[in-house]
Amino acid sequence: MNREQRIHEARLLVLAYMQTEDVSKAQEALDKWVEEVKGVDDGNYSDEA
């Protein structure tokens, strides 16, 4: 599974737990998603001045 697929899977888990109102599982899934997307360039930041 590549990185993009892992990010997508983690996002789906966050949404699923939010829909079932399982707050602790949603937070856990969100934390995992945050770890997956760390360092992804969103295009709004450039370290070139």
C-alpha atoms as a PDB file:
ATOM      1  CA  MET A   1       0.000   0.000   0.000  1.00  0.00           C
ATOM      2  CA  ASN A   2       1.506   3.326  -1.010  1.00  0.00           C
ATOM      3  CA  ARG A   3       1.454   6.509   1.076  1.00  0.00           C
ATOM      4  CA  GLU A   4      -1.508   8.039  -0.744  1.00  0.00           C
ATOM      5  CA  GLN A   5      -3.580   4.914  -0.125  1.00  0.00           C
ATOM      6  CA  ARG A   6      -2.652   4.916   3.584  1.00  0.00           C
ATOM      7  CA  ILE A   7      -3.675   8.583   3.867  1.00  0.00           C
ATOM      8  CA  HIS A   8      -6.995   7.867   2.153  1.00  0.00           C
ATOM      9  CA  GLU A   9      -7.669   4.846   4.362  1.00  0.00           C
ATOM     10  CA  ALA A  10      -6.869   6.821   7.511  1.00  0.00           C
ATOM     11  CA  ARG A  11      -9.215   9.623   6.412  1.00  0.00           C
ATOM     12  CA  LEU A  12     -12.039   7.162   5.810  1.00  0.00           C
ATOM     13  CA  LEU A  13     -11.562   5.708   9.284  1.00  0.00           C
ATOM     14  CA  VAL A  14     -11.800   9.179  10.845  1.00  0.00           C
ATOM     15  CA  LEU A  15     -15.039   9.870   8.975  1.00  0.00           C
ATOM     16  CA  ALA A  16     -16.513   6.477   9.832  1.00  0.00           C
ATOM     17  CA  TYR A  17     -15.815   6.822  13.555  1.00  0.00           C
ATOM     18  CA  MET A  18     -17.207  10.360  13.546  1.00  0.00           C
ATOM     19  CA  GLN A  19     -20.436   9.126  11.950  1.00  0.00           C
ATOM     20  CA  THR A  20     -20.814   6.428  14.595  1.00  0.00           C
ATOM     21  CA  GLU A  21     -20.031   9.040  17.259  1.00  0.00           C
ATOM     22  CA  ASP A  22     -17.222   6.944  18.702  1.00  0.00           C
ATOM     23  CA  VAL A  23     -15.168   9.880  19.980  1.00  0.00           C
ATOM     24  CA  SER A  24     -12.171   7.944  21.295  1.00  0.00           C
ATOM     25  CA  LYS A  25     -11.819   5.892  18.099  1.00  0.00           C
ATOM     26  CA  ALA A  26     -12.292   9.022  15.959  1.00  0.00           C
ATOM     27  CA  GLN A  27      -9.522  10.807  17.887  1.00  0.00           C
ATOM     28  CA  GLU A  28      -7.237   7.800  17.541  1.00  0.00           C
ATOM     29  CA  ALA A  29      -7.905   7.607  13.799  1.00  0.00           C
ATOM     30  CA  LEU A  30      -7.390  11.372  13.426  1.00  0.00           C
ATOM     31  CA  ASP A  31      -4.045  11.135  15.199  1.00  0.00           C
ATOM     32  CA  LYS A  32      -3.011   8.354  12.810  1.00  0.00           C
ATOM     33  CA  TRP A  33      -4.117  10.481   9.827  1.00  0.00           C
ATOM     34  CA  VAL A  34      -2.089  13.440  11.107  1.00  0.00           C
ATOM     35  CA  GLU A  35       1.003  11.233  11.326  1.00  0.00           C
ATOM     36  CA  GLU A  36       0.459  10.037   7.741  1.00  0.00           C
ATOM     37  CA  VAL A  37       0.143  13.542   6.287  1.00  0.00           C
ATOM     38  CA  LYS A  38       2.979  15.176   8.212  1.00  0.00           C
ATOM     39  CA  GLY A  39       5.401  16.741   5.809  1.00  0.00           C
ATOM     40  CA  VAL A  40       3.042  16.763   2.843  1.00  0.00           C
ATOM     41  CA  ASP A  41       3.470  20.018   0.952  1.00  0.00           C
ATOM     42  CA  ASP A  42       0.102  21.699   0.600  1.00  0.00           C
ATOM     43  CA  GLY A  43       1.407  24.266  -1.866  1.00  0.00           C
ATOM     44  CA  ASN A  44       0.914  27.186   0.528  1.00  0.00           C
ATOM     45  CA  TYR A  45       4.395  27.107   1.990  1.00  0.00           C
ATOM     46  CA  SER A  46       7.697  27.560   0.288  1.00  0.00           C
ATOM     47  CA  ASP A  47      11.078  27.547   1.949  1.00  0.00           C
ATOM     48  CA  GLU A  48      12.531  29.347  -1.050  1.00  0.00           C
ATOM     49  CA  ALA A  49      12.691  33.082  -0.419  1.00  0.00           C
END
